[in-house]
C-alpha atoms as a PDB file:
ATOM      1  CA  MET A   1     -16.801 -72.371  22.144  1.00  0.00           C
ATOM      2  CA  ASN A   2     -17.749 -74.179  18.891  1.00  0.00           C
ATOM      3  CA  PRO A   3     -14.710 -76.229  17.761  1.00  0.00           C
ATOM      4  CA  ASP A   4     -15.998 -76.122  14.105  1.00  0.00           C
ATOM      5  CA  ILE A   5     -15.457 -72.371  13.809  1.00  0.00           C
ATOM      6  CA  PRO A   6     -11.813 -71.483  13.171  1.00  0.00           C
ATOM      7  CA  PRO A   7     -10.330 -68.746  15.542  1.00  0.00           C
ATOM      8  CA  LEU A   8      -9.940 -65.160  14.407  1.00  0.00           C
ATOM      9  CA  ASP A   9      -6.496 -63.995  13.367  1.00  0.00           C
ATOM     10  CA  PRO A  10      -4.896 -61.996  16.114  1.00  0.00           C
ATOM     11  CA  ALA A  11      -4.256 -58.274  15.498  1.00  0.00           C
ATOM     12  CA  PRO A  12      -0.765 -57.217  14.608  1.00  0.00           C
ATOM     13  CA  PRO A  13       1.220 -56.053  17.582  1.00  0.00           C
ATOM     14  CA  GLY A  14       1.230 -52.222  18.091  1.00  0.00           C
ATOM     15  CA  LEU A  15      -1.774 -51.567  16.008  1.00  0.00           C
ATOM     16  CA  ASP A  16      -3.705 -49.858  18.841  1.00  0.00           C
ATOM     17  CA  ALA A  17      -0.873 -47.534  19.387  1.00  0.00           C
ATOM     18  CA  VAL A  18      -0.596 -46.463  15.732  1.00  0.00           C
ATOM     19  CA  LEU A  19      -4.369 -46.081  15.121  1.00  0.00           C
ATOM     20  CA  PRO A  20      -5.949 -43.970  17.752  1.00  0.00           C
ATOM     21  CA  ASP A  21      -9.561 -44.394  18.707  1.00  0.00           C
ATOM     22  CA  VAL A  22     -11.367 -41.878  16.543  1.00  0.00           C
ATOM     23  CA  VAL A  23     -14.559 -42.230  18.418  1.00  0.00           C
ATOM     24  CA  ASP A  24     -13.167 -41.196  21.767  1.00  0.00           C
ATOM     25  CA  HIS A  25     -10.466 -38.670  20.638  1.00  0.00           C
ATOM     26  CA  VAL A  26     -10.810 -35.304  18.960  1.00  0.00           C
ATOM     27  CA  ALA A  27      -8.287 -34.162  16.330  1.00  0.00           C
ATOM     28  CA  VAL A  28      -6.246 -31.168  17.597  1.00  0.00           C
ATOM     29  CA  ALA A  29      -5.008 -30.151  14.181  1.00  0.00           C
ATOM     30  CA  ARG A  30      -4.743 -31.280  10.589  1.00  0.00           C
ATOM     31  CA  LEU A  31      -1.473 -31.743   8.672  1.00  0.00           C
ATOM     32  CA  TYR A  32      -1.795 -31.891   4.912  1.00  0.00           C
ATOM     33  CA  GLY A  33      -5.393 -33.011   5.406  1.00  0.00           C
ATOM     34  CA  GLU A  34      -4.718 -35.789   7.905  1.00  0.00           C
ATOM     35  CA  PRO A  35      -5.971 -35.431  11.474  1.00  0.00           C
ATOM     36  CA  LEU A  36      -3.547 -35.158  14.440  1.00  0.00           C
ATOM     37  CA  PHE A  37      -4.765 -36.419  17.799  1.00  0.00           C
ATOM     38  CA  ALA A  38      -1.658 -35.370  19.659  1.00  0.00           C
ATOM     39  CA  MET A  39       0.925 -32.694  19.372  1.00  0.00           C
ATOM     40  CA  PRO A  40       4.171 -33.783  17.897  1.00  0.00           C
ATOM     41  CA  LYS A  41       6.989 -34.190  20.417  1.00  0.00           C
ATOM     42  CA  ASP A  42       9.604 -32.656  18.155  1.00  0.00           C
ATOM     43  CA  LEU A  43       7.614 -29.504  17.331  1.00  0.00           C
ATOM     44  CA  TYR A  44       9.761 -26.439  17.823  1.00  0.00           C
ATOM     45  CA  ILE A  45       8.140 -22.868  18.090  1.00  0.00           C
ATOM     46  CA  PRO A  46      10.493 -19.962  18.140  1.00  0.00           C
ATOM     47  CA  PRO A  47      10.023 -17.639  21.169  1.00  0.00           C
ATOM     48  CA  ASP A  48       9.306 -14.574  18.946  1.00  0.00           C
ATOM     49  CA  ALA A  49       6.936 -16.381  16.541  1.00  0.00           C
ATOM     50  CA  LEU A  50       3.792 -15.169  18.356  1.00  0.00           C
ATOM     51  CA  GLN A  51       5.080 -11.852  19.518  1.00  0.00           C
ATOM     52  CA  VAL A  52       2.481  -9.134  19.227  1.00  0.00           C
ATOM     53  CA  PHE A  53       2.794  -5.437  20.072  1.00  0.00           C
ATOM     54  CA  LEU A  54      -0.546  -4.289  21.445  1.00  0.00           C
ATOM     55  CA  GLU A  55       0.395  -0.593  21.434  1.00  0.00           C
ATOM     56  CA  ALA A  56       1.892   1.391  18.595  1.00  0.00           C
ATOM     57  CA  PHE A  57       3.669   4.529  19.593  1.00  0.00           C
ATOM     58  CA  GLU A  58       4.900   7.398  17.368  1.00  0.00           C
ATOM     59  CA  GLY A  59       8.065   8.034  19.370  1.00  0.00           C
ATOM     60  CA  PRO A  60       9.594   8.129  22.850  1.00  0.00           C
ATOM     61  CA  LEU A  61       7.476  11.031  24.055  1.00  0.00           C
ATOM     62  CA  ASP A  62       4.352   9.293  22.896  1.00  0.00           C
ATOM     63  CA  LEU A  63       5.263   6.219  24.895  1.00  0.00           C
ATOM     64  CA  LEU A  64       6.212   8.236  27.947  1.00  0.00           C
ATOM     65  CA  LEU A  65       2.884  10.268  27.770  1.00  0.00           C
ATOM     66  CA  TYR A  66       0.975   6.895  27.447  1.00  0.00           C
ATOM     67  CA  LEU A  67       2.616   5.594  30.677  1.00  0.00           C
ATOM     68  CA  ILE A  68       1.802   8.708  32.606  1.00  0.00           C
ATOM     69  CA  ARG A  69      -1.818   9.048  31.406  1.00  0.00           C
ATOM     70  CA  LYS A  70      -2.547   5.342  31.752  1.00  0.00           C
ATOM     71  CA  GLN A  71      -1.748   5.318  35.426  1.00  0.00           C
ATOM     72  CA  ASN A  72      -3.233   8.821  36.160  1.00  0.00           C
ATOM     73  CA  PHE A  73       0.194  10.268  37.200  1.00  0.00           C
ATOM     74  CA  ASN A  74       0.329  14.007  37.741  1.00  0.00           C
ATOM     75  CA  ILE A  75       2.375  15.203  34.707  1.00  0.00           C
ATOM     76  CA  LEU A  76       3.707  18.107  36.800  1.00  0.00           C
ATOM     77  CA  ASP A  77       4.931  15.655  39.375  1.00  0.00           C
ATOM     78  CA  ILE A  78       6.175  12.604  37.656  1.00  0.00           C
ATOM     79  CA  PRO A  79       7.292   9.590  39.719  1.00  0.00           C
ATOM     80  CA  MET A  80      10.456   9.087  37.836  1.00  0.00           C
ATOM     81  CA  ALA A  81      11.358   5.734  39.328  1.00  0.00           C
ATOM     82  CA  ALA A  82       8.076   3.994  38.388  1.00  0.00           C
ATOM     83  CA  VAL A  83       7.899   5.582  34.946  1.00  0.00           C
ATOM     84  CA  THR A  84      11.573   4.878  34.128  1.00  0.00           C
ATOM     85  CA  ARG A  85      11.099   1.182  35.170  1.00  0.00           C
ATOM     86  CA  GLN A  86       8.049   0.674  32.905  1.00  0.00           C
ATOM     87  CA  TYR A  87       9.717   2.622  30.115  1.00  0.00           C
ATOM     88  CA  LEU A  88      12.812   0.423  30.219  1.00  0.00           C
ATOM     89  CA  SER A  89      10.756  -2.817  30.171  1.00  0.00           C
ATOM     90  CA  TYR A  90       9.164  -1.744  26.882  1.00  0.00           C
ATOM     91  CA  VAL A  91      12.550  -0.753  25.419  1.00  0.00           C
ATOM     92  CA  ASP A  92      13.964  -4.215  26.303  1.00  0.00           C
ATOM     93  CA  GLU A  93      11.089  -5.849  24.342  1.00  0.00           C
ATOM     94  CA  ILE A  94      11.657  -3.858  21.119  1.00  0.00           C
ATOM     95  CA  ARG A  95      15.485  -4.028  21.389  1.00  0.00           C
ATOM     96  CA  ALA A  96      15.526  -7.743  20.796  1.00  0.00           C
ATOM     97  CA  SER A  97      13.665  -7.499  17.482  1.00  0.00           C
ATOM     98  CA  ASN A  98      14.369  -3.938  16.175  1.00  0.00           C
ATOM     99  CA  LEU A  99      17.660  -2.463  17.288  1.00  0.00           C
ATOM    100  CA  GLU A 100      17.319   0.680  14.943  1.00  0.00           C
ATOM    101  CA  LEU A 101      13.879   1.511  16.549  1.00  0.00           C
ATOM    102  CA  ALA A 102      15.167   0.885  20.026  1.00  0.00           C
ATOM    103  CA  ALA A 103      18.031   3.387  19.591  1.00  0.00           C
ATOM    104  CA  GLU A 104      15.767   6.375  19.656  1.00  0.00           C
ATOM    105  CA  TYR A 105      13.964   5.028  22.704  1.00  0.00           C
ATOM    106  CA  LEU A 106      17.200   4.362  24.367  1.00  0.00           C
ATOM    107  CA  LEU A 107      18.091   8.072  24.226  1.00  0.00           C
ATOM    108  CA  MET A 108      14.895   8.945  26.010  1.00  0.00           C
ATOM    109  CA  ALA A 109      15.741   6.179  28.654  1.00  0.00           C
ATOM    110  CA  ALA A 110      19.141   7.767  29.357  1.00  0.00           C
ATOM    111  CA  MET A 111      17.473  11.102  29.751  1.00  0.00           C
ATOM    112  CA  LEU A 112      15.075   9.651  32.291  1.00  0.00           C
ATOM    113  CA  ILE A 113      17.886   8.075  34.238  1.00  0.00           C
ATOM    114  CA  GLU A 114      19.752  11.345  34.273  1.00  0.00           C
ATOM    115  CA  ILE A 115      16.728  13.205  35.591  1.00  0.00           C
ATOM    116  CA  LYS A 116      16.227  10.575  38.300  1.00  0.00           C
ATOM    117  CA  SER A 117      19.983  10.838  39.260  1.00  0.00           C
ATOM    118  CA  ARG A 118      19.706  14.609  39.481  1.00  0.00           C
ATOM    119  CA  MET A 119      16.716  14.353  41.796  1.00  0.00           C
ATOM    120  CA  LEU A 120      18.741  12.217  44.154  1.00  0.00           C
ATOM    121  CA  LEU A 121      21.533  14.824  44.458  1.00  0.00           C
ATOM    122  CA  PRO A 122      21.132  17.743  46.753  1.00  0.00           C
ATOM    123  CA  PRO A 123      19.652  20.824  45.012  1.00  0.00           C
ATOM    124  CA  LYS A 124      21.809  23.595  43.921  1.00  0.00           C
ATOM    125  CA  LYS A 125      21.973  26.652  46.089  1.00  0.00           C
ATOM    126  CA  VAL A 126      19.807  29.592  44.878  1.00  0.00           C
ATOM    127  CA  ALA A 127      19.092  33.088  46.075  1.00  0.00           C
ATOM    128  CA  GLU A 128      16.675  33.708  48.780  1.00  0.00           C
ATOM    129  CA  GLY A 129      13.029  33.762  47.651  1.00  0.00           C
ATOM    130  CA  GLN A 130      13.713  31.638  44.569  1.00  0.00           C
ATOM    131  CA  GLU A 131      12.723  27.960  44.224  1.00  0.00           C
ATOM    132  CA  ALA A 132      15.365  25.381  43.213  1.00  0.00           C
ATOM    133  CA  GLU A 133      15.084  24.310  39.575  1.00  0.00           C
ATOM    134  CA  ASP A 134      13.191  21.054  39.158  1.00  0.00           C
ATOM    135  CA  PRO A 135      15.162  18.592  36.890  1.00  0.00           C
ATOM    136  CA  ARG A 136      11.846  17.405  35.399  1.00  0.00           C
ATOM    137  CA  ALA A 137      10.813  20.911  34.184  1.00  0.00           C
ATOM    138  CA  GLU A 138      12.193  20.638  30.689  1.00  0.00           C
ATOM    139  CA  LEU A 139      10.722  17.106  30.255  1.00  0.00           C
ATOM    140  CA  VAL A 140       7.322  18.247  31.507  1.00  0.00           C
ATOM    141  CA  ARG A 141       7.348  21.181  29.096  1.00  0.00           C
ATOM    142  CA  ARG A 142       8.032  18.864  26.162  1.00  0.00           C
ATOM    143  CA  LEU A 143       5.374  16.463  27.177  1.00  0.00           C
ATOM    144  CA  LEU A 144       2.693  19.187  27.513  1.00  0.00           C
ATOM    145  CA  GLU A 145       3.601  20.595  24.071  1.00  0.00           C
ATOM    146  CA  TYR A 146       3.454  17.216  22.574  1.00  0.00           C
ATOM    147  CA  GLU A 147       0.113  16.398  24.157  1.00  0.00           C
ATOM    148  CA  GLN A 148      -1.271  19.672  22.945  1.00  0.00           C
ATOM    149  CA  MET A 149      -0.130  18.990  19.358  1.00  0.00           C
ATOM    150  CA  LYS A 150      -1.423  15.411  19.471  1.00  0.00           C
ATOM    151  CA  LEU A 151      -4.978  16.480  20.622  1.00  0.00           C
ATOM    152  CA  ALA A 152      -5.016  19.158  17.909  1.00  0.00           C
ATOM    153  CA  ALA A 153      -4.141  16.602  15.321  1.00  0.00           C
ATOM    154  CA  GLN A 154      -6.862  14.345  16.563  1.00  0.00           C
ATOM    155  CA  ARG A 155      -9.431  17.136  16.421  1.00  0.00           C
ATOM    156  CA  ILE A 156      -8.329  17.965  12.807  1.00  0.00           C
ATOM    157  CA  ASN A 157      -8.561  14.328  11.879  1.00  0.00           C
ATOM    158  CA  GLU A 158     -12.209  14.171  13.159  1.00  0.00           C
ATOM    159  CA  LEU A 159     -13.210  16.990  10.838  1.00  0.00           C
ATOM    160  CA  PRO A 160     -14.756  16.007   7.509  1.00  0.00           C
ATOM    161  CA  HIS A 161     -11.990  15.467   4.804  1.00  0.00           C
ATOM    162  CA  TYR A 162     -12.496  16.065   1.243  1.00  0.00           C
ATOM    163  CA  GLY A 163     -12.086  12.770  -0.706  1.00  0.00           C
ATOM    164  CA  ARG A 164     -12.436  10.684   2.484  1.00  0.00           C
ATOM    165  CA  ASP A 165     -15.740  11.775   4.043  1.00  0.00           C
ATOM    166  CA  PHE A 166     -17.389  13.776   1.178  1.00  0.00           C
ATOM    167  CA  LEU A 167     -16.937  14.681  -2.447  1.00  0.00           C
ATOM    168  CA  ARG A 168     -17.497  18.025  -4.080  1.00  0.00           C
ATOM    169  CA  ALA A 169     -20.511  18.156  -6.264  1.00  0.00           C
ATOM    170  CA  GLN A 170     -19.817  19.696  -9.687  1.00  0.00           C
ATOM    171  CA  VAL A 171     -22.762  20.829 -11.929  1.00  0.00           C
ATOM    172  CA  TYR A 172     -22.126  22.856 -15.083  1.00  0.00           C
ATOM    173  CA  VAL A 173     -25.015  25.137 -16.024  1.00  0.00           C
ATOM    174  CA  GLU A 174     -24.495  27.194 -19.116  1.00  0.00           C
ATOM    175  CA  GLN A 175     -25.942  30.617 -18.779  1.00  0.00           C
ATOM    176  CA  ALA A 176     -25.325  32.838 -21.826  1.00  0.00           C
ATOM    177  CA  LEU A 177     -26.958  36.307 -21.702  1.00  0.00           C
ATOM    178  CA  ALA A 178     -25.809  37.165 -25.148  1.00  0.00           C
ATOM    179  CA  PRO A 179     -25.272  34.837 -28.131  1.00  0.00           C
ATOM    180  CA  ARG A 180     -21.711  33.786 -28.514  1.00  0.00           C
ATOM    181  CA  PHE A 181     -20.753  33.065 -32.195  1.00  0.00           C
ATOM    182  CA  PRO A 182     -18.172  30.493 -33.087  1.00  0.00           C
ATOM    183  CA  ASP A 183     -14.679  31.778 -33.825  1.00  0.00           C
ATOM    184  CA  VAL A 184     -13.367  31.568 -37.347  1.00  0.00           C
ATOM    185  CA  ASN A 185     -10.204  29.425 -37.526  1.00  0.00           C
ATOM    186  CA  ALA A 186      -7.352  29.916 -40.006  1.00  0.00           C
ATOM    187  CA  SER A 187      -8.404  27.053 -42.276  1.00  0.00           C
ATOM    188  CA  GLU A 188     -11.923  28.508 -42.857  1.00  0.00           C
ATOM    189  CA  LEU A 189     -10.550  31.875 -43.525  1.00  0.00           C
ATOM    190  CA  GLN A 190      -7.994  30.332 -45.990  1.00  0.00           C
ATOM    191  CA  ALA A 191     -10.831  28.421 -47.817  1.00  0.00           C
ATOM    192  CA  ALA A 192     -12.837  31.581 -48.123  1.00  0.00           C
ATOM    193  CA  TRP A 193      -9.835  33.440 -49.549  1.00  0.00           C
ATOM    194  CA  ARG A 194      -9.237  30.678 -52.098  1.00  0.00           C
ATOM    195  CA  ASP A 195     -12.772  30.939 -53.192  1.00  0.00           C
ATOM    196  CA  ILE A 196     -12.427  34.707 -53.730  1.00  0.00           C
ATOM    197  CA  ILE A 197      -9.294  34.173 -55.833  1.00  0.00           C
ATOM    198  CA  LYS A 198     -11.077  31.399 -57.847  1.00  0.00           C
ATOM    199  CA  ARG A 199     -13.880  33.815 -58.626  1.00  0.00           C
ATOM    200  CA  ALA A 200     -11.518  36.711 -59.519  1.00  0.00           C
ATOM    201  CA  LYS A 201      -9.701  34.570 -62.134  1.00  0.00           C
ATOM    202  CA  LEU A 202     -12.994  34.163 -63.926  1.00  0.00           C
ATOM    203  CA  VAL A 203     -13.549  37.809 -64.477  1.00  0.00           C
ATOM    204  CA  GLN A 204      -9.958  39.114 -64.675  1.00  0.00           C
ATOM    205  CA  HIS A 205      -8.905  41.375 -67.605  1.00  0.00           C
ATOM    206  CA  HIS A 206      -5.682  40.963 -69.572  1.00  0.00           C
ATOM    207  CA  LYS A 207      -4.485  44.441 -68.862  1.00  0.00           C
ATOM    208  CA  ILE A 208      -1.051  45.088 -67.817  1.00  0.00           C
ATOM    209  CA  SER A 209      -0.535  48.255 -65.778  1.00  0.00           C
ATOM    210  CA  ARG A 210       1.573  49.505 -62.894  1.00  0.00           C
ATOM    211  CA  GLU A 211      -0.491  50.659 -59.949  1.00  0.00           C
ATOM    212  CA  GLU A 212       0.694  51.697 -56.503  1.00  0.00           C
ATOM    213  CA  LEU A 213      -1.742  50.286 -53.911  1.00  0.00           C
ATOM    214  CA  SER A 214      -1.841  51.442 -50.221  1.00  0.00           C
ATOM    215  CA  VAL A 215      -2.901  49.103 -47.570  1.00  0.00           C
ATOM    216  CA  ARG A 216      -3.913  51.978 -45.228  1.00  0.00           C
ATOM    217  CA  GLU A 217      -6.137  53.285 -48.003  1.00  0.00           C
ATOM    218  CA  HIS A 218      -7.893  49.946 -48.440  1.00  0.00           C
ATOM    219  CA  MET A 219      -8.205  49.740 -44.638  1.00  0.00           C
ATOM    220  CA  SER A 220     -10.153  52.905 -44.750  1.00  0.00           C
ATOM    221  CA  ILE A 221     -12.307  51.572 -47.657  1.00  0.00           C
ATOM    222  CA  VAL A 222     -13.182  48.431 -45.659  1.00  0.00           C
ATOM    223  CA  LEU A 223     -14.163  50.491 -42.670  1.00  0.00           C
ATOM    224  CA  ARG A 224     -16.323  52.706 -44.804  1.00  0.00           C
ATOM    225  CA  HIS A 225     -18.077  49.738 -46.157  1.00  0.00           C
ATOM    226  CA  LEU A 226     -18.754  48.405 -42.662  1.00  0.00           C
ATOM    227  CA  GLN A 227     -19.883  51.755 -41.352  1.00  0.00           C
ATOM    228  CA  GLY A 228     -23.552  51.707 -40.353  1.00  0.00           C
ATOM    229  CA  ARG A 229     -24.046  48.065 -41.147  1.00  0.00           C
ATOM    230  CA  LYS A 230     -24.304  45.241 -38.669  1.00  0.00           C
ATOM    231  CA  PHE A 231     -22.809  42.447 -40.727  1.00  0.00           C
ATOM    232  CA  VAL A 232     -21.320  42.229 -44.187  1.00  0.00           C
ATOM    233  CA  GLU A 233     -20.514  38.998 -45.943  1.00  0.00           C
ATOM    234  CA  PHE A 234     -16.788  38.415 -46.388  1.00  0.00           C
ATOM    235  CA  GLY A 235     -17.007  38.120 -50.226  1.00  0.00           C
ATOM    236  CA  ASP A 236     -18.977  41.472 -50.574  1.00  0.00           C
ATOM    237  CA  LEU A 237     -15.909  43.369 -49.328  1.00  0.00           C
ATOM    238  CA  PHE A 238     -13.923  42.446 -52.432  1.00  0.00           C
ATOM    239  CA  ASP A 239     -14.375  44.148 -55.851  1.00  0.00           C
ATOM    240  CA  LEU A 240     -13.758  41.370 -58.308  1.00  0.00           C
ATOM    241  CA  SER A 241     -13.633  43.657 -61.264  1.00  0.00           C
ATOM    242  CA  LYS A 242     -10.315  45.375 -59.984  1.00  0.00           C
ATOM    243  CA  GLY A 243      -8.233  42.239 -60.383  1.00  0.00           C
ATOM    244  CA  ALA A 244      -6.083  40.112 -58.090  1.00  0.00           C
ATOM    245  CA  PRO A 245      -3.678  42.839 -56.900  1.00  0.00           C
ATOM    246  CA  VAL A 246      -6.460  44.932 -55.379  1.00  0.00           C
ATOM    247  CA  LEU A 247      -7.962  41.747 -53.965  1.00  0.00           C
ATOM    248  CA  VAL A 248      -4.635  40.799 -52.235  1.00  0.00           C
ATOM    249  CA  VAL A 249      -4.206  44.415 -50.812  1.00  0.00           C
ATOM    250  CA  THR A 250      -7.842  44.345 -49.608  1.00  0.00           C
ATOM    251  CA  PHE A 251      -7.247  41.038 -47.925  1.00  0.00           C
ATOM    252  CA  ILE A 252      -4.169  42.252 -46.244  1.00  0.00           C
ATOM    253  CA  ALA A 253      -5.910  45.434 -45.169  1.00  0.00           C
ATOM    254  CA  MET A 254      -8.685  43.192 -43.492  1.00  0.00           C
ATOM    255  CA  LEU A 255      -5.993  41.109 -41.710  1.00  0.00           C
ATOM    256  CA  GLU A 256      -4.510  44.328 -40.402  1.00  0.00           C
ATOM    257  CA  LEU A 257      -7.884  45.526 -39.213  1.00  0.00           C
ATOM    258  CA  ALA A 258      -8.484  42.244 -37.453  1.00  0.00           C
ATOM    259  CA  LYS A 259      -5.019  42.362 -35.864  1.00  0.00           C
ATOM    260  CA  GLU A 260      -5.695  45.876 -34.510  1.00  0.00           C
ATOM    261  CA  THR A 261      -9.104  44.546 -33.285  1.00  0.00           C
ATOM    262  CA  LEU A 262     -10.978  47.121 -35.340  1.00  0.00           C
ATOM    263  CA  ILE A 263     -13.148  44.435 -37.041  1.00  0.00           C
ATOM    264  CA  GLU A 264     -14.418  40.951 -36.110  1.00  0.00           C
ATOM    265  CA  LEU A 265     -14.779  38.000 -38.283  1.00  0.00           C
ATOM    266  CA  THR A 266     -17.525  35.551 -37.282  1.00  0.00           C
ATOM    267  CA  GLN A 267     -20.071  33.070 -38.504  1.00  0.00           C
ATOM    268  CA  ALA A 268     -23.274  31.589 -37.123  1.00  0.00           C
ATOM    269  CA  GLU A 269     -22.149  27.993 -37.139  1.00  0.00           C
ATOM    270  CA  ALA A 270     -19.491  25.622 -38.531  1.00  0.00           C
ATOM    271  CA  PHE A 271     -19.198  25.797 -42.354  1.00  0.00           C
ATOM    272  CA  ALA A 272     -21.581  28.727 -42.492  1.00  0.00           C
ATOM    273  CA  PRO A 273     -20.809  31.964 -44.503  1.00  0.00           C
ATOM    274  CA  ILE A 274     -18.251  34.258 -42.861  1.00  0.00           C
ATOM    275  CA  TYR A 275     -19.340  37.776 -41.879  1.00  0.00           C
ATOM    276  CA  VAL A 276     -17.473  40.853 -41.007  1.00  0.00           C
ATOM    277  CA  ARG A 277     -18.487  43.679 -38.689  1.00  0.00           C
ATOM    278  CA  LEU A 278     -16.971  46.555 -36.794  1.00  0.00           C
ATOM    279  CA  ALA A 279     -15.478  45.504 -33.489  1.00  0.00           C
ATOM    280  CA  TYR A 280     -16.568  48.763 -31.692  1.00  0.00           C
ATOM    281  CA  THR A 281     -20.286  48.550 -32.760  1.00  0.00           C
ATOM    282  CA  VAL A 282     -22.326  48.584 -29.513  1.00  0.00           C
ATOM    283  CA  ALA A 283     -25.607  46.548 -29.687  1.00  0.00           C
ATOM    284  CA  GLN A 284     -28.860  47.820 -28.180  1.00  0.00           C
ATOM    285  CA  PRO A 285     -29.565  46.362 -24.753  1.00  0.00           C
ATOM    286  CA  ASP A 286     -33.043  45.192 -25.623  1.00  0.00           C
ATOM    287  CA  ALA A 287     -32.267  43.524 -28.886  1.00  0.00           C
ATOM    288  CA  ALA A 288     -29.817  40.818 -29.444  1.00  0.00           C
ATOM    289  CA  GLU A 289     -27.594  40.989 -32.587  1.00  0.00           C
ATOM    290  CA  GLU A 290     -28.117  37.989 -34.923  1.00  0.00           C
ATOM    291  CA  LEU A 291     -26.219  36.946 -37.928  1.00  0.00           C
ATOM    292  CA  PRO A 292     -28.036  36.821 -41.267  1.00  0.00           C
ATOM    293  CA  PHE A 293     -28.777  33.384 -42.780  1.00  0.00           C
ATOM    294  CA  GLU A 294     -29.190  32.481 -46.311  1.00  0.00           C
END
């Protein structure tokens, strides 16, 4: 050893115990990003922290049927002791975590214990030629009915469902054999009537007279104007030279005829002239009826 070289400072005591050998050890976990090379001695894991239910049952009958089918027991000759023991072990597991759920299963457990106790007792005396009643008969009947309904539900669930397995295709194809004209709304009829009144004021006469006008008479006049004609323009049905009273009565007569579905008001398109025709006019089958255009 060279006496000119000063000796190295010794390592602080306990350093090897605090810093593990990273090369030779593998971290078992990480806590806040720091590696842990050994499990903490004060770590506490609750017993039910990693509890997992492998099977999910829809009720006591579902659990009982599962235990019978899993072990290939004859459902008509159920070994009550073995099935009851396995059933109670499952109930004990769920009773510790969900008492409300376990109550329903405890009722079935009491029924199984009752059936088993009845099987241990001597059978009741019956008439000759009749077999003694099996205490398991009612339970077997319920199990068979439940299994039948469960299998039917599974078969239904395997069928294609609308919205889950397929969607309904919707295609709209407009097929109009005869032309359908737009309906005349109230605002368009009102505008046409205002135009008639405006034109009537331009040619009105300053003559005062009393005249009795009949709506029924003017209804007949309108029908005669439409007789034998396919379409008549709305304004052509009014005689402007007779003044506003006659125009009003004529308009009321047209409204009454439309109300009684004796005439039809139509137009070729929006904002087009309004035309009037008889509602009972039958068109020829080989020629489509068309509105006149200006």
